[in-house]
Protein backbone atom coordinates (compact mmCIF):
# COMPACT_ATOMS: atom_id res chain seq x y z
CA UNK A 1 -44.30 60.42 6.60
CA UNK A 2 -44.37 63.99 7.81
CA UNK A 3 -46.12 64.83 11.04
CA UNK A 4 -47.38 68.06 12.55
CA UNK A 5 -48.10 68.37 16.26
CA UNK A 6 -50.39 71.23 17.25
CA UNK A 7 -49.48 72.00 20.84
CA UNK A 8 -45.94 70.63 20.77
CA UNK A 9 -44.90 72.98 23.56
CA UNK A 10 -47.24 71.39 26.09
CA UNK A 11 -46.36 68.45 28.30
CA UNK A 12 -47.63 65.57 26.15
CA UNK A 13 -47.08 67.33 22.84
CA UNK A 14 -43.45 68.08 23.66
CA UNK A 15 -42.77 64.49 24.70
CA UNK A 16 -44.31 63.22 21.45
CA UNK A 17 -42.39 65.81 19.41
CA UNK A 18 -39.09 64.82 21.04
CA UNK A 19 -39.83 61.10 20.66
CA UNK A 20 -40.55 61.41 16.94
CA UNK A 21 -37.54 63.69 16.43
CA UNK A 22 -35.25 61.18 18.14
CA UNK A 23 -36.62 58.44 15.89
CA UNK A 24 -35.50 60.64 12.97
CA UNK A 25 -39.08 61.14 11.82
CA UNK A 26 -39.90 64.36 10.00
CA UNK A 27 -41.95 66.30 12.52
CA UNK A 28 -43.07 69.89 12.85
CA UNK A 29 -44.54 71.32 16.01
CA UNK A 30 -46.43 74.43 17.03
CA UNK A 31 -46.54 76.57 20.14
CA UNK A 32 -48.75 79.42 21.28
CA UNK A 33 -47.61 80.86 24.63
CA UNK A 34 -44.81 78.51 25.57
CA UNK A 35 -42.16 79.24 22.93
CA UNK A 36 -39.66 76.44 22.41
CA UNK A 37 -36.74 76.21 20.03
CA UNK A 38 -37.64 74.64 16.70
CA UNK A 39 -41.39 75.09 17.10
CA UNK A 40 -43.60 77.30 14.94
CA UNK A 41 -45.97 79.91 16.33
CA UNK A 42 -49.65 79.07 15.77
CA UNK A 43 -52.65 80.84 17.28
CA UNK A 44 -55.72 78.61 16.90
CA UNK A 45 -58.01 81.60 17.51
CA UNK A 46 -56.66 83.71 14.63
CA UNK A 47 -54.76 81.48 12.21
CA UNK A 48 -55.73 78.82 9.69
CA UNK A 49 -53.63 75.80 8.87
CA UNK A 50 -52.94 77.06 5.36
CA UNK A 51 -50.80 79.78 6.98
CA UNK A 52 -48.29 76.99 7.61
CA UNK A 53 -46.41 76.98 4.30
CA UNK A 54 -45.53 73.28 4.52
CA UNK A 55 -49.09 72.08 5.19
CA UNK A 56 -49.43 70.36 1.80
CA UNK A 57 -46.53 68.04 2.67
CA UNK A 58 -47.99 66.83 6.00
CA UNK A 59 -49.48 63.34 6.35
CA UNK A 60 -50.58 63.31 9.99
CA UNK A 61 -51.67 66.14 12.27
CA UNK A 62 -51.66 65.41 15.98
CA UNK A 63 -53.89 67.78 17.90
CA UNK A 64 -53.18 68.06 21.60
CA UNK A 65 -55.81 70.76 22.03
CA UNK A 66 -55.47 71.87 25.60
CA UNK A 67 -56.03 75.50 24.78
CA UNK A 68 -57.41 76.09 28.25
CA UNK A 69 -56.84 73.09 30.47
CA UNK A 70 -57.52 74.88 33.76
CA UNK A 71 -60.69 73.18 35.00
CA UNK A 72 -61.64 76.04 37.36
CA UNK A 73 -61.17 78.66 34.64
CA UNK A 74 -63.19 76.53 32.23
CA UNK A 75 -66.09 76.59 34.68
CA UNK A 76 -65.81 80.36 35.26
CA UNK A 77 -65.43 81.30 31.59
CA UNK A 78 -67.53 78.64 29.90
CA UNK A 79 -68.55 80.68 26.82
CA UNK A 80 -64.96 81.71 26.07
CA UNK A 81 -63.77 78.15 26.64
CA UNK A 82 -66.47 76.74 24.35
CA UNK A 83 -65.46 79.17 21.61
CA UNK A 84 -61.81 78.18 21.76
CA UNK A 85 -61.59 74.64 23.13
CA UNK A 86 -64.64 73.32 21.29
CA UNK A 87 -65.32 75.41 18.20
CA UNK A 88 -61.74 76.21 17.19
CA UNK A 89 -60.54 72.67 17.82
CA UNK A 90 -63.40 71.22 15.75
CA UNK A 91 -62.55 73.70 12.97
CA UNK A 92 -58.92 72.63 13.10
CA UNK A 93 -59.97 68.98 12.77
CA UNK A 94 -62.21 69.86 9.81
CA UNK A 95 -59.38 71.80 8.14
CA UNK A 96 -57.05 68.84 8.56
CA UNK A 97 -59.51 66.67 6.67
CA UNK A 98 -59.97 69.39 4.05
CA UNK A 99 -56.21 69.36 3.39
CA UNK A 100 -56.03 65.56 3.28
CA UNK A 101 -54.26 65.20 6.62
CA UNK A 102 -55.07 62.33 8.92
CA UNK A 103 -55.96 63.96 12.25
CA UNK A 104 -55.02 62.29 15.51
CA UNK A 105 -56.86 63.92 18.39
CA UNK A 106 -55.40 63.36 21.84
CA UNK A 107 -57.78 64.14 24.66
CA UNK A 108 -57.52 63.57 28.40
CA UNK A 109 -58.93 61.27 31.02
CA UNK A 110 -61.24 64.15 31.94
CA UNK A 111 -63.89 62.51 29.77
CA UNK A 112 -64.25 59.78 32.42
CA UNK A 113 -65.58 59.98 35.98
CA UNK A 114 -62.53 58.35 37.61
CA UNK A 115 -64.39 55.43 39.14
CA UNK A 116 -62.98 52.58 37.04
CA UNK A 117 -59.44 53.52 36.01
CA UNK A 118 -57.35 51.92 33.25
CA UNK A 119 -59.76 53.27 30.67
CA UNK A 120 -59.91 52.16 27.05
CA UNK A 121 -61.25 54.02 24.03
CA UNK A 122 -64.61 52.26 24.00
CA UNK A 123 -65.36 52.76 27.71
CA UNK A 124 -68.43 54.82 28.59
CA UNK A 125 -67.68 58.54 28.81
CA UNK A 126 -68.96 60.28 31.93
CA UNK A 127 -67.40 63.71 32.38
CA UNK A 128 -67.74 65.38 35.77
CA UNK A 129 -66.82 68.93 34.71
CA UNK A 130 -67.13 71.27 31.74
CA UNK A 131 -63.55 70.60 30.62
CA UNK A 132 -64.26 66.89 30.23
CA UNK A 133 -67.65 67.52 28.64
CA UNK A 134 -66.01 69.75 26.02
CA UNK A 135 -63.42 67.07 25.28
CA UNK A 136 -66.26 64.54 24.92
CA UNK A 137 -68.06 66.77 22.40
CA UNK A 138 -64.96 67.09 20.26
């Protein structure tokens, strides 16, 4: 199995990338601003997944999708954030399916209100800010 991690330069993405690499799994990773050795540049706002020459050999695409994870900035620049965090991420998910990749979307706990804790996938979503609401829509 070959895996591709969009956002492998971020905190979670990099840990997942390193974990799979250490397990001797074939894994590719992308970065945007935070260049790291071994990762491939990918700009979700301007590039399509078919620009990655190896895309036809990928089985799973993990999408970290924290293009703009700054909650305050998300609130201030909602239209820009919607365009990138929502629309471009949804397009990336659609393109994964188009190319026969199994997408794995990793979100954040921002989709919950923080009252319960120890959340599970089928818990009720109740976002308190735009960042979490965008994640919920995806």
